[in-house]
Protein backbone atom coordinates (compact mmCIF):
# COMPACT_ATOMS: atom_id res chain seq x y z
CA UNK A 1 0.00 0.00 0.00
CA UNK A 2 1.41 3.31 -1.02
CA UNK A 3 2.40 5.66 1.79
CA UNK A 4 0.32 8.81 1.97
CA UNK A 5 2.25 11.90 0.93
CA UNK A 6 2.79 14.45 3.71
CA UNK A 7 1.26 17.87 3.15
CA UNK A 8 3.79 20.41 1.85
CA UNK A 9 4.17 23.48 4.03
CA UNK A 10 4.97 26.83 2.45
CA UNK A 11 6.57 29.74 4.23
CA UNK A 12 6.17 33.43 3.51
CA UNK A 13 7.07 36.63 5.21
CA UNK A 14 4.67 39.32 6.25
CA UNK A 15 7.31 41.80 7.33
CA UNK A 16 9.45 43.91 5.06
CA UNK A 17 12.12 46.47 5.61
CA UNK A 18 11.65 50.13 4.84
CA UNK A 19 14.59 51.18 6.95
CA UNK A 20 17.45 49.92 4.86
CA UNK A 21 18.44 50.48 1.28
CA UNK A 22 20.76 48.09 -0.59
CA UNK A 23 23.25 49.80 -2.86
CA UNK A 24 23.29 49.20 -6.58
CA UNK A 25 26.03 47.06 -8.01
CA UNK A 26 26.94 49.97 -10.27
CA UNK A 27 26.94 53.49 -8.88
CA UNK A 28 26.59 56.05 -11.67
CA UNK A 29 26.37 59.14 -9.45
CA UNK A 30 29.57 60.71 -10.82
CA UNK A 31 28.77 64.21 -9.56
CA UNK A 32 28.82 63.14 -5.93
CA UNK A 33 32.25 63.83 -4.48
CA UNK A 34 32.08 60.82 -2.15
CA UNK A 35 30.20 58.51 -4.49
CA UNK A 36 33.42 56.83 -5.71
CA UNK A 37 34.54 55.87 -2.21
CA UNK A 38 34.20 52.39 -0.80
CA UNK A 39 31.62 51.17 1.68
CA UNK A 40 32.61 53.69 4.36
CA UNK A 41 29.91 56.12 3.23
CA UNK A 42 27.37 53.75 1.71
CA UNK A 43 23.91 53.00 2.96
CA UNK A 44 23.54 49.95 5.18
CA UNK A 45 22.65 46.75 3.42
CA UNK A 46 20.15 44.14 4.49
CA UNK A 47 16.77 43.70 6.09
CA UNK A 48 16.14 44.74 9.67
CA UNK A 49 13.77 41.89 10.52
CA UNK A 50 12.34 38.71 9.03
CA UNK A 51 9.42 36.76 10.48
CA UNK A 52 8.64 33.37 8.99
CA UNK A 53 5.00 32.32 8.63
CA UNK A 54 3.78 28.78 7.99
CA UNK A 55 0.74 28.36 5.74
CA UNK A 56 -1.64 25.45 5.68
CA UNK A 57 -2.19 23.70 2.34
CA UNK A 58 -5.81 24.89 2.29
CA UNK A 59 -4.77 28.52 2.78
CA UNK A 60 -2.08 28.15 0.16
CA UNK A 61 -4.57 26.83 -2.36
CA UNK A 62 -6.94 29.66 -1.50
CA UNK A 63 -4.47 32.37 -2.19
CA UNK A 64 -2.57 30.45 -4.90
CA UNK A 65 0.82 31.82 -3.83
CA UNK A 66 3.34 31.75 -6.65
CA UNK A 67 6.88 30.45 -6.04
CA UNK A 68 8.38 33.95 -6.27
CA UNK A 69 6.00 35.15 -3.57
CA UNK A 70 7.57 32.68 -1.19
CA UNK A 71 10.94 34.39 -1.42
CA UNK A 72 12.05 36.12 1.78
CA UNK A 73 12.41 39.93 1.61
CA UNK A 74 16.21 39.92 1.48
CA UNK A 75 16.18 37.81 -1.70
CA UNK A 76 13.51 39.97 -3.31
CA UNK A 77 15.57 43.07 -2.56
CA UNK A 78 18.66 41.44 -4.04
CA UNK A 79 16.76 40.66 -7.24
CA UNK A 80 15.30 44.16 -7.48
CA UNK A 81 18.74 45.68 -6.92
CA UNK A 82 19.88 44.17 -10.22
CA UNK A 83 17.41 46.36 -12.12
CA UNK A 84 19.13 49.36 -13.69
CA UNK A 85 16.00 51.22 -14.77
CA UNK A 86 13.97 53.31 -12.39
CA UNK A 87 10.98 52.58 -14.62
CA UNK A 88 11.37 48.85 -13.98
CA UNK A 89 11.53 49.48 -10.23
CA UNK A 90 8.39 51.56 -10.41
CA UNK A 91 6.61 48.72 -12.23
CA UNK A 92 7.74 46.32 -9.51
CA UNK A 93 6.11 48.56 -6.92
CA UNK A 94 2.78 48.23 -8.76
CA UNK A 95 2.74 44.41 -8.63
CA UNK A 96 1.74 44.00 -4.99
CA UNK A 97 2.14 45.55 -1.58
CA UNK A 98 4.88 43.05 -0.75
CA UNK A 99 6.85 43.96 -3.86
CA UNK A 100 6.24 47.64 -3.22
CA UNK A 101 7.60 47.41 0.32
CA UNK A 102 10.75 45.67 -0.93
CA UNK A 103 11.47 47.89 -3.92
CA UNK A 104 10.55 51.36 -2.66
CA UNK A 105 13.86 51.76 -0.81
CA UNK A 106 15.81 51.15 -3.99
CA UNK A 107 13.75 53.67 -5.90
CA UNK A 108 13.93 56.38 -3.27
CA UNK A 109 17.31 56.04 -1.60
CA UNK A 110 18.76 58.47 -4.20
CA UNK A 111 15.95 60.51 -5.79
CA UNK A 112 16.87 62.00 -9.16
CA UNK A 113 17.05 65.80 -8.91
CA UNK A 114 18.90 66.61 -12.12
CA UNK A 115 16.16 68.87 -13.54
CA UNK A 116 13.81 71.38 -11.98
CA UNK A 117 10.80 69.27 -13.00
CA UNK A 118 12.22 66.17 -11.30
CA UNK A 119 12.99 68.19 -8.19
CA UNK A 120 9.38 69.44 -8.01
CA UNK A 121 8.09 65.86 -8.29
CA UNK A 122 10.39 64.69 -5.50
CA UNK A 123 9.36 67.60 -3.29
CA UNK A 124 5.66 66.85 -3.88
CA UNK A 125 6.12 63.23 -2.77
CA UNK A 126 8.23 64.13 0.24
CA UNK A 127 5.55 66.57 1.41
CA UNK A 128 2.73 64.01 1.23
CA UNK A 129 1.19 63.23 4.60
CA UNK A 130 -1.22 60.53 3.41
CA UNK A 131 1.13 58.52 1.20
CA UNK A 132 1.50 54.76 1.46
CA UNK A 133 5.16 55.28 2.45
CA UNK A 134 6.96 57.94 4.45
CA UNK A 135 9.15 58.98 1.52
CA UNK A 136 11.13 61.52 3.53
CA UNK A 137 12.51 58.66 5.61
CA UNK A 138 13.63 56.71 2.55
CA UNK A 139 15.98 59.38 1.11
CA UNK A 140 19.57 58.34 1.85
CA UNK A 141 21.43 60.40 -0.75
CA UNK A 142 20.52 63.90 -1.85
CA UNK A 143 22.49 65.54 -4.65
CA UNK A 144 21.37 69.01 -5.77
CA UNK A 145 24.58 70.01 -7.55
CA UNK A 146 23.06 69.71 -11.04
CA UNK A 147 20.75 72.63 -10.19
CA UNK A 148 23.40 74.58 -8.33
CA UNK A 149 22.47 78.00 -9.69
CA UNK A 150 18.79 77.53 -8.78
CA UNK A 151 19.10 76.08 -5.29
CA UNK A 152 18.46 78.52 -2.43
CA UNK A 153 17.55 78.31 1.24
CA UNK A 154 13.87 78.15 0.31
CA UNK A 155 14.42 75.34 -2.20
CA UNK A 156 15.82 72.97 0.42
CA UNK A 157 13.13 73.56 3.03
CA UNK A 158 10.98 70.56 1.95
CA UNK A 159 13.97 68.29 2.65
CA UNK A 160 14.34 69.48 6.23
CA UNK A 161 12.25 66.53 7.42
CA UNK A 162 14.61 64.06 5.70
CA UNK A 163 16.65 63.15 8.76
CA UNK A 164 18.13 59.92 7.47
CA UNK A 165 20.22 61.35 4.62
CA UNK A 166 23.66 59.73 4.55
CA UNK A 167 25.25 61.66 1.68
CA UNK A 168 24.43 65.31 1.11
CA UNK A 169 25.96 66.97 -1.97
CA UNK A 170 25.43 70.71 -2.44
CA UNK A 171 28.42 71.46 -4.64
CA UNK A 172 28.44 75.04 -6.01
CA UNK A 173 24.93 75.85 -4.75
CA UNK A 174 26.19 79.38 -4.22
CA UNK A 175 22.82 80.82 -3.20
CA UNK A 176 22.72 78.65 -0.11
CA UNK A 177 23.63 80.24 3.21
CA UNK A 178 24.09 79.01 6.77
CA UNK A 179 20.33 79.04 7.23
CA UNK A 180 19.63 76.48 4.51
CA UNK A 181 22.50 74.10 5.26
CA UNK A 182 21.91 74.19 9.03
CA UNK A 183 18.26 73.27 8.47
CA UNK A 184 19.31 70.21 6.47
CA UNK A 185 21.88 68.85 8.93
CA UNK A 186 20.14 69.69 12.21
CA UNK A 187 18.87 66.53 13.87
CA UNK A 188 20.47 64.27 11.25
CA UNK A 189 22.41 61.56 13.08
CA UNK A 190 22.86 59.48 9.94
CA UNK A 191 24.97 61.84 7.83
CA UNK A 192 28.17 60.19 6.62
CA UNK A 193 29.34 62.54 3.85
CA UNK A 194 28.83 66.28 3.34
CA UNK A 195 30.02 68.22 0.29
CA UNK A 196 29.48 72.00 0.35
CA UNK A 197 32.20 72.93 -2.13
CA UNK A 198 32.01 76.54 -3.29
CA UNK A 199 29.46 77.76 -0.73
CA UNK A 200 31.34 80.94 0.10
CA UNK A 201 28.46 82.23 2.27
CA UNK A 202 28.83 79.36 4.72
CA UNK A 203 30.51 80.24 8.01
CA UNK A 204 31.51 78.53 11.24
CA UNK A 205 27.85 78.36 12.29
CA UNK A 206 27.19 75.59 9.76
CA UNK A 207 30.16 73.47 10.77
CA UNK A 208 29.42 73.92 14.47
CA UNK A 209 25.97 72.50 13.76
CA UNK A 210 27.58 69.62 11.87
CA UNK A 211 29.83 68.95 14.86
CA UNK A 212 26.87 68.91 17.24
CA UNK A 213 24.64 66.64 15.14
CA UNK A 214 26.62 64.50 12.69
CA UNK A 215 28.78 62.36 14.96
CA UNK A 216 28.98 59.57 12.36
CA UNK A 217 30.47 61.86 9.69
CA UNK A 218 33.18 60.21 7.60
CA UNK A 219 33.67 62.61 4.69
CA UNK A 220 33.74 66.42 4.66
CA UNK A 221 34.45 68.63 1.63
CA UNK A 222 34.45 72.39 2.27
CA UNK A 223 36.60 73.44 -0.68
CA UNK A 224 36.45 77.22 -1.27
CA UNK A 225 34.46 77.89 1.91
CA UNK A 226 36.55 80.97 2.59
CA UNK A 227 34.83 82.04 5.81
CA UNK A 228 35.42 78.84 7.77
CA UNK A 229 37.99 79.15 10.57
CA UNK A 230 39.77 76.95 13.07
CA UNK A 231 37.01 77.45 15.65
CA UNK A 232 34.48 75.21 13.90
CA UNK A 233 37.01 72.79 12.45
CA UNK A 234 38.43 72.01 15.89
CA UNK A 235 34.87 71.28 17.07
CA UNK A 236 34.34 68.96 14.09
CA UNK A 237 37.55 67.08 14.87
CA UNK A 238 36.54 66.62 18.50
CA UNK A 239 32.99 65.41 17.83
CA UNK A 240 33.33 63.62 14.47
CA UNK A 241 36.08 61.20 15.36
CA UNK A 242 35.23 58.79 12.52
CA UNK A 243 36.35 61.21 9.79
CA UNK A 244 38.22 59.50 6.99
CA UNK A 245 38.22 62.03 4.15
CA UNK A 246 38.74 65.75 4.51
CA UNK A 247 39.08 68.40 1.80
CA UNK A 248 39.94 71.93 2.88
CA UNK A 249 41.15 73.28 -0.48
CA UNK A 250 41.61 77.02 -0.54
CA UNK A 251 40.29 77.50 2.98
CA UNK A 252 42.65 80.39 3.51
CA UNK A 253 41.87 80.92 7.22
CA UNK A 254 42.82 77.39 8.26
CA UNK A 255 45.96 77.18 10.40
CA UNK A 256 47.97 74.51 12.19
CA UNK A 257 45.56 74.63 15.13
CA UNK A 258 42.76 72.78 13.35
CA UNK A 259 45.04 70.43 11.41
CA UNK A 260 46.78 69.32 14.60
CA UNK A 261 43.34 68.73 16.12
CA UNK A 262 42.38 66.43 13.24
CA UNK A 263 45.68 64.57 13.60
CA UNK A 264 45.03 64.07 17.33
CA UNK A 265 41.31 63.21 17.22
CA UNK A 266 40.72 61.37 13.93
CA UNK A 267 42.90 58.25 13.88
CA UNK A 268 41.00 56.72 10.94
CA UNK A 269 41.90 59.52 8.51
CA UNK A 270 42.57 58.13 5.03
CA UNK A 271 42.70 61.21 2.79
CA UNK A 272 43.29 64.88 3.48
CA UNK A 273 43.62 67.67 0.95
CA UNK A 274 45.10 71.01 2.05
CA UNK A 275 45.65 72.52 -1.38
CA UNK A 276 46.40 76.23 -1.12
CA UNK A 277 46.06 76.35 2.67
CA UNK A 278 48.89 78.84 2.81
CA UNK A 279 49.06 79.12 6.62
CA UNK A 280 49.90 75.44 7.16
CA UNK A 281 53.44 74.82 8.41
CA UNK A 282 55.78 71.90 9.07
CA UNK A 283 54.21 70.84 12.38
CA UNK A 284 50.89 69.97 10.73
CA UNK A 285 52.52 67.79 8.09
CA UNK A 286 54.67 65.94 10.61
CA UNK A 287 51.66 65.27 12.84
CA UNK A 288 49.40 64.09 10.03
CA UNK A 289 51.92 61.53 8.78
CA UNK A 290 53.29 60.33 12.11
CA UNK A 291 49.86 59.98 13.77
CA UNK A 292 47.91 58.91 10.70
CA UNK A 293 48.87 55.30 10.50
CA UNK A 294 46.13 54.64 7.95
CA UNK A 295 46.72 57.79 5.87
CA UNK A 296 46.69 56.93 2.15
CA UNK A 297 46.56 60.33 0.47
CA UNK A 298 48.08 63.66 1.48
CA UNK A 299 47.85 66.71 -0.79
CA UNK A 300 49.81 69.81 0.14
CA UNK A 301 49.99 71.70 -3.16
CA UNK A 302 50.90 75.38 -2.82
CA UNK A 303 51.49 75.17 0.92
CA UNK A 304 54.47 77.48 0.58
CA UNK A 305 55.53 77.46 4.24
CA UNK A 306 56.42 73.77 4.24
CA UNK A 307 60.14 73.05 4.45
CA UNK A 308 62.37 69.99 4.68
CA UNK A 309 61.78 69.86 8.45
CA UNK A 310 58.19 68.70 7.90
CA UNK A 311 59.63 65.34 6.83
CA UNK A 312 63.00 65.30 8.52
CA UNK A 313 61.22 65.43 11.90
CA UNK A 314 59.47 62.13 11.23
CA UNK A 315 60.68 59.33 13.53
CA UNK A 316 63.63 57.36 12.23
CA UNK A 317 63.21 53.69 11.30
CA UNK A 318 59.43 54.08 11.10
CA UNK A 319 57.68 53.47 7.79
CA UNK A 320 54.19 54.48 6.74
CA UNK A 321 53.10 51.63 4.52
CA UNK A 322 49.62 52.99 3.82
CA UNK A 323 50.72 56.27 2.20
CA UNK A 324 50.14 56.01 -1.55
CA UNK A 325 49.67 59.56 -2.86
CA UNK A 326 51.72 62.63 -1.93
CA UNK A 327 51.28 65.96 -3.71
CA UNK A 328 53.86 68.64 -2.94
CA UNK A 329 53.26 70.91 -5.96
CA UNK A 330 54.94 74.32 -5.59
CA UNK A 331 56.33 73.64 -2.13
CA UNK A 332 59.27 75.79 -3.13
CA UNK A 333 61.36 75.28 0.00
CA UNK A 334 61.69 71.53 -0.36
CA UNK A 335 65.07 70.12 -1.29
CA UNK A 336 66.69 66.76 -1.89
CA UNK A 337 66.97 65.86 1.80
CA UNK A 338 63.20 65.97 2.19
CA UNK A 339 62.65 63.70 -0.82
CA UNK A 340 65.19 61.17 0.46
CA UNK A 341 63.40 61.07 3.81
CA UNK A 342 59.98 60.77 2.15
CA UNK A 343 61.05 57.73 0.12
CA UNK A 344 62.53 56.02 3.16
CA UNK A 345 59.44 56.74 5.28
CA UNK A 346 56.84 55.85 2.61
CA UNK A 347 58.33 53.04 0.51
CA UNK A 348 55.01 52.15 -1.14
CA UNK A 349 54.22 55.53 -2.67
CA UNK A 350 52.36 55.17 -5.96
CA UNK A 351 51.79 58.81 -6.96
CA UNK A 352 54.41 61.45 -6.22
CA UNK A 353 54.03 65.06 -7.35
CA UNK A 354 57.02 67.39 -7.00
CA UNK A 355 56.08 69.88 -9.71
CA UNK A 356 57.69 73.31 -9.23
CA UNK A 357 59.93 72.12 -6.42
CA UNK A 358 62.69 73.97 -8.21
CA UNK A 359 65.57 73.00 -5.94
CA UNK A 360 65.14 69.28 -6.61
CA UNK A 361 68.17 67.72 -8.32
CA UNK A 362 69.27 64.32 -9.62
CA UNK A 363 69.91 63.19 -6.04
CA UNK A 364 66.19 63.34 -5.27
CA UNK A 365 65.27 61.50 -8.47
CA UNK A 366 67.79 58.76 -7.73
CA UNK A 367 66.18 58.37 -4.31
CA UNK A 368 62.77 58.03 -5.98
CA UNK A 369 64.10 55.04 -7.94
CA UNK A 370 63.90 53.03 -4.70
CA UNK A 371 60.12 52.95 -5.09
CA UNK A 372 60.63 50.47 -7.91
CA UNK A 373 57.50 48.82 -9.24
CA UNK A 374 55.28 50.69 -6.76
CA UNK A 375 55.63 54.00 -8.64
CA UNK A 376 52.91 54.59 -11.24
CA UNK A 377 52.68 58.38 -11.43
CA UNK A 378 55.44 60.96 -11.08
CA UNK A 379 55.35 64.69 -11.80
CA UNK A 380 58.66 66.54 -11.93
CA UNK A 381 57.61 69.52 -14.02
CA UNK A 382 59.73 72.67 -13.65
CA UNK A 383 62.47 70.78 -11.78
CA UNK A 384 65.08 72.36 -14.00
CA UNK A 385 68.15 70.78 -12.38
CA UNK A 386 67.20 67.25 -13.43
CA UNK A 387 69.38 65.67 -16.13
CA UNK A 388 69.21 62.68 -18.45
CA UNK A 389 71.22 60.54 -16.05
CA UNK A 390 68.55 60.65 -13.34
CA UNK A 391 65.63 60.10 -15.73
CA UNK A 392 67.31 57.10 -17.36
CA UNK A 393 67.91 55.50 -13.96
CA UNK A 394 64.33 56.26 -12.90
CA UNK A 395 62.93 54.43 -15.90
CA UNK A 396 65.22 51.44 -15.43
CA UNK A 397 64.21 50.98 -11.80
CA UNK A 398 60.52 51.98 -12.01
CA UNK A 399 59.27 50.23 -15.11
CA UNK A 400 55.59 50.39 -14.16
CA UNK A 401 55.28 54.14 -14.57
CA UNK A 402 52.07 55.02 -16.36
CA UNK A 403 52.22 58.83 -16.19
CA UNK A 404 55.27 61.07 -16.12
CA UNK A 405 55.46 64.83 -16.53
CA UNK A 406 58.80 66.52 -17.17
CA UNK A 407 57.57 69.86 -18.46
CA UNK A 408 60.19 72.62 -18.44
CA UNK A 409 63.02 70.25 -17.50
CA UNK A 410 65.29 72.12 -19.88
CA UNK A 411 68.36 69.90 -19.49
CA UNK A 412 66.66 66.80 -20.83
CA UNK A 413 67.49 65.54 -24.30
CA UNK A 414 66.46 62.71 -26.61
CA UNK A 415 68.33 60.27 -24.37
CA UNK A 416 65.70 60.63 -21.65
CA UNK A 417 62.74 60.22 -23.99
CA UNK A 418 64.27 57.20 -25.69
CA UNK A 419 64.47 55.51 -22.31
CA UNK A 420 60.95 56.61 -21.39
CA UNK A 421 59.74 55.02 -24.62
CA UNK A 422 60.69 51.59 -23.22
CA UNK A 423 58.07 51.80 -20.45
CA UNK A 424 55.55 49.08 -21.35
CA UNK A 425 52.54 50.68 -19.60
CA UNK A 426 53.17 54.36 -20.31
CA UNK A 427 49.86 56.13 -21.02
CA UNK A 428 50.62 59.82 -20.54
CA UNK A 429 53.79 61.81 -20.99
CA UNK A 430 54.40 65.54 -20.59
CA UNK A 431 57.38 67.13 -22.31
CA UNK A 432 56.16 70.71 -22.64
CA UNK A 433 58.99 73.17 -23.36
CA UNK A 434 61.65 70.45 -23.35
CA UNK A 435 63.23 72.32 -26.22
CA UNK A 436 66.15 69.96 -26.81
CA UNK A 437 64.07 66.99 -27.87
CA UNK A 438 63.80 66.21 -31.55
CA UNK A 439 62.14 63.76 -33.91
CA UNK A 440 64.41 61.07 -32.49
CA UNK A 441 62.33 61.19 -29.30
CA UNK A 442 59.03 61.03 -31.16
CA UNK A 443 60.14 58.11 -33.30
CA UNK A 444 61.23 56.28 -30.16
CA UNK A 445 57.79 56.80 -28.62
CA UNK A 446 56.19 55.56 -31.83
CA UNK A 447 58.35 52.46 -32.10
CA UNK A 448 56.48 49.26 -31.15
CA UNK A 449 57.48 47.78 -27.79
CA UNK A 450 59.49 44.57 -27.82
CA UNK A 451 59.60 41.76 -25.29
CA UNK A 452 62.74 40.14 -23.87
CA UNK A 453 62.92 37.75 -26.83
CA UNK A 454 62.41 40.44 -29.42
CA UNK A 455 58.71 39.77 -30.00
CA UNK A 456 56.31 42.71 -30.38
CA UNK A 457 54.14 43.44 -27.32
CA UNK A 458 50.85 44.67 -28.79
CA UNK A 459 50.10 48.27 -29.69
CA UNK A 460 51.26 51.40 -27.87
CA UNK A 461 49.42 52.32 -24.67
CA UNK A 462 49.98 56.06 -25.11
CA UNK A 463 46.80 58.08 -24.63
CA UNK A 464 47.96 61.65 -23.97
CA UNK A 465 51.14 63.30 -25.22
CA UNK A 466 52.05 66.90 -24.41
CA UNK A 467 54.71 68.36 -26.74
CA UNK A 468 53.92 72.08 -26.73
CA UNK A 469 56.87 74.37 -27.49
CA UNK A 470 59.07 71.45 -28.52
CA UNK A 471 59.98 73.54 -31.55
CA UNK A 472 62.38 71.09 -33.22
CA UNK A 473 59.60 68.62 -34.03
CA UNK A 474 58.52 68.07 -37.61
CA UNK A 475 55.32 66.94 -39.28
CA UNK A 476 56.88 63.61 -40.22
CA UNK A 477 57.81 62.74 -36.64
CA UNK A 478 54.38 63.56 -35.26
CA UNK A 479 52.70 61.66 -38.07
CA UNK A 480 54.73 58.57 -37.15
CA UNK A 481 53.51 58.95 -33.56
CA UNK A 482 49.90 59.17 -34.70
CA UNK A 483 50.19 56.09 -36.91
CA UNK A 484 51.72 53.90 -34.19
CA UNK A 485 49.56 55.06 -31.26
CA UNK A 486 45.93 54.16 -32.04
CA UNK A 487 44.82 54.84 -28.45
CA UNK A 488 45.97 58.47 -28.55
CA UNK A 489 43.18 60.84 -27.48
CA UNK A 490 45.12 64.03 -26.73
CA UNK A 491 48.06 65.66 -28.48
CA UNK A 492 49.24 69.16 -27.61
CA UNK A 493 51.52 70.92 -30.09
CA UNK A 494 51.08 74.58 -29.16
CA UNK A 495 54.00 76.65 -30.40
CA UNK A 496 55.26 73.93 -32.76
CA UNK A 497 55.65 75.81 -36.04
CA UNK A 498 55.18 72.73 -38.20
CA UNK A 499 51.56 72.70 -37.01
CA UNK A 500 50.21 76.03 -35.81
CA UNK A 501 51.34 77.79 -39.01
CA UNK A 502 49.34 75.41 -41.20
CA UNK A 503 45.68 76.34 -41.50
CA UNK A 504 44.76 72.94 -42.93
CA UNK A 505 45.97 71.27 -39.70
CA UNK A 506 44.67 73.86 -37.25
CA UNK A 507 41.13 73.11 -38.42
CA UNK A 508 41.29 69.88 -36.42
CA UNK A 509 42.27 71.69 -33.20
CA UNK A 510 39.88 72.42 -30.38
CA UNK A 511 39.12 76.11 -29.70
CA UNK A 512 41.54 78.14 -27.61
CA UNK A 513 40.34 79.18 -24.12
CA UNK A 514 38.54 82.52 -24.06
CA UNK A 515 40.97 84.04 -21.57
CA UNK A 516 43.94 83.62 -23.93
CA UNK A 517 45.52 86.69 -25.51
CA UNK A 518 45.68 87.12 -29.27
CA UNK A 519 49.28 85.91 -29.38
CA UNK A 520 48.43 82.82 -27.36
CA UNK A 521 45.51 82.06 -29.65
CA UNK A 522 47.70 82.35 -32.71
CA UNK A 523 50.07 79.58 -31.54
CA UNK A 524 47.46 77.42 -29.80
CA UNK A 525 47.38 73.91 -31.25
CA UNK A 526 45.75 71.14 -29.20
CA UNK A 527 44.08 68.07 -30.67
CA UNK A 528 41.76 66.02 -28.51
CA UNK A 529 39.14 63.32 -28.94
CA UNK A 530 37.83 63.13 -32.49
CA UNK A 531 40.26 65.87 -33.50
CA UNK A 532 43.15 63.40 -33.08
CA UNK A 533 41.46 60.84 -35.31
CA UNK A 534 40.69 63.43 -37.97
CA UNK A 535 44.29 64.68 -37.92
CA UNK A 536 45.58 61.12 -38.27
CA UNK A 537 43.28 60.42 -41.21
CA UNK A 538 44.22 63.68 -42.93
CA UNK A 539 47.96 63.09 -42.55
CA UNK A 540 47.63 59.54 -43.84
CA UNK A 541 45.95 60.89 -46.95
CA UNK A 542 48.59 63.57 -47.41
CA UNK A 543 51.54 61.27 -46.61
CA UNK A 544 52.61 60.93 -50.22
CA UNK A 545 53.40 64.65 -50.29
CA UNK A 546 56.24 64.37 -47.83
CA UNK A 547 57.17 60.69 -47.43
CA UNK A 548 60.18 61.07 -49.68
CA UNK A 549 61.51 63.95 -47.62
CA UNK A 550 62.12 61.85 -44.48
CA UNK A 551 62.46 63.17 -40.97
CA UNK A 552 65.06 65.62 -39.77
CA UNK A 553 67.38 62.79 -38.72
CA UNK A 554 67.03 60.10 -41.35
CA UNK A 555 70.73 60.32 -42.12
CA UNK A 556 71.78 60.68 -38.51
CA UNK A 557 73.22 64.14 -39.12
CA UNK A 558 72.91 67.01 -36.69
CA UNK A 559 70.47 69.66 -37.78
CA UNK A 560 71.64 72.85 -39.42
CA UNK A 561 70.85 76.30 -38.21
CA UNK A 562 70.81 75.54 -34.46
CA UNK A 563 71.36 79.16 -33.55
CA UNK A 564 68.53 80.25 -35.84
CA UNK A 565 66.14 77.79 -34.18
CA UNK A 566 67.12 79.01 -30.73
CA UNK A 567 66.31 82.54 -31.79
CA UNK A 568 62.92 81.38 -33.06
CA UNK A 569 62.22 79.71 -29.71
CA UNK A 570 63.09 82.83 -27.75
CA UNK A 571 61.01 85.02 -30.05
CA UNK A 572 58.03 82.69 -29.85
CA UNK A 573 58.11 82.53 -26.04
CA UNK A 574 58.40 86.29 -25.83
CA UNK A 575 55.56 86.89 -28.26
CA UNK A 576 53.17 84.68 -26.30
CA UNK A 577 54.17 86.09 -22.96
CA UNK A 578 55.48 82.71 -21.78
CA UNK A 579 58.63 81.81 -19.94
CA UNK A 580 60.01 78.66 -18.43
CA UNK A 581 58.41 79.55 -15.10
CA UNK A 582 54.90 79.73 -16.53
CA UNK A 583 52.34 76.97 -16.74
CA UNK A 584 51.79 75.40 -20.11
CA UNK A 585 49.09 77.50 -21.72
CA UNK A 586 47.68 74.96 -24.13
CA UNK A 587 45.88 72.74 -21.70
CA UNK A 588 44.72 73.03 -18.16
CA UNK A 589 45.79 69.54 -17.17
CA UNK A 590 49.50 69.79 -17.99
CA UNK A 591 50.41 70.05 -14.33
CA UNK A 592 49.35 66.64 -13.19
CA UNK A 593 45.96 65.12 -13.62
CA UNK A 594 46.57 62.73 -10.77
CA UNK A 595 46.52 65.61 -8.32
CA UNK A 596 42.83 66.21 -8.98
CA UNK A 597 39.99 64.08 -7.88
CA UNK A 598 38.60 62.88 -9.60
CA UNK A 599 38.19 62.69 -11.56
CA UNK A 600 40.15 64.12 -13.59
CA UNK A 601 41.74 62.27 -11.15
CA UNK A 602 44.32 59.71 -11.71
CA UNK A 603 43.10 56.90 -9.53
CA UNK A 604 44.00 57.30 -5.93
């Protein structure tokens, strides 16, 4: 006799979570300063509670529960999180109350406020008192930067009741004052990241409110908040001890007092940017490094008071293994001794910027070679004492360099560039105003890389090449570079007569910046994006017109008329108002893209 089959029991959940919001697998919120960070500033993941319920077979038949309805809330949320379209999420909410409860968090954790119409729709929902959900409690990230010129204190008032915001981005909302920002952060104990870049009306009152309310704060960006002083920053350091990322760019009133407070009170600090904080001295730098055992990124560009003592005072025989990025742009008082100490103290540096540290010599560069394979990015622009010997050794020892800038290193010759051309992963190279380099350098860069057994190693990795004011270059040399570098997306040739004097080539250039003088516009010659491809195609078509002429050095002879060329260089620099101490005028990113964030930011 067959054994009777036991009734099958089905389980379902009657409770869902509206208090947590899983993050998307792909975060496309590029305008949020802290959006690219890891989980430190992300919304919590998971479901707060789960109650299992057993159903009788009769009840199951009555309601005809589908298999997907038996899934627990955390699995439903995981499935919904894979949807990339807000429209799809909205449709999920319309299926049933259970689906609505488990998808509403995903739809509302970062409401889209990129247009005024979208903002009005969000505000209308947040203000509802009879809605099925309390939408103001679901908002975890609020980014109003896309409407920066329209956002005022009155605009943000509807969001005052949103007390669970974790990331608040108000970049360049210049009409906002203390009143509006204070209303948003008051009573918010969930805030993890605050970006008020460019709000020059904000004062200490706002940051004192942040200190009193946002004890979980991990990221703070107050770039260009010119009225903020040490008083509020010290309070932030004392109350927000979990801070990991701090940007104080161009906060001209900040002194050592607040920086020392952050070093003492925020042991988890990972990144700090003090660009153009001109009152910062050696004691702050020493404290940040010696007490910040987890510090990964330190930017001190244009902190002119910093001297060698900032690094020489670091404890001997102690290394800071976490430090990866150090930006010392225009710290004019730094010399070789400081660089030697830096390399010994931070042996795993990946990005090192010493642009405009004009007293740096070969000794410092030879010390940098100790970084070996760790070094990916190095900026030595305007370090005019550097010679070929140091650059050649640097390349031999640090063969994983991807970006190097040697603008205005006037002593460098083709020997340096030939060695640089052997770097297998080189993507960006800056040689602006290196007036001694010739077509030999360009042909070396264009030459396919070879492996140890002589085999070719794929195509060139070069993406951006800056050759402005390298006046010895010819059309043939640059054409060879274009043909052999298919990944090239930027080529600057400002002041190179073989290009800016030819109207048929200039048509492929991008427009000169509006602030340029007439002389600067006349010699401007920068190709980027599609302009590079169009230039390459045009030169390929015209190649027959000059192929038989060869390059300047086909026969290996030295060029004639060296004195005449030197006079042309001097006249050109004078006419455009440029000297070796000036920034390159053809492109705003000649002085180190890795020192930005961003984006334009070489990866940190």
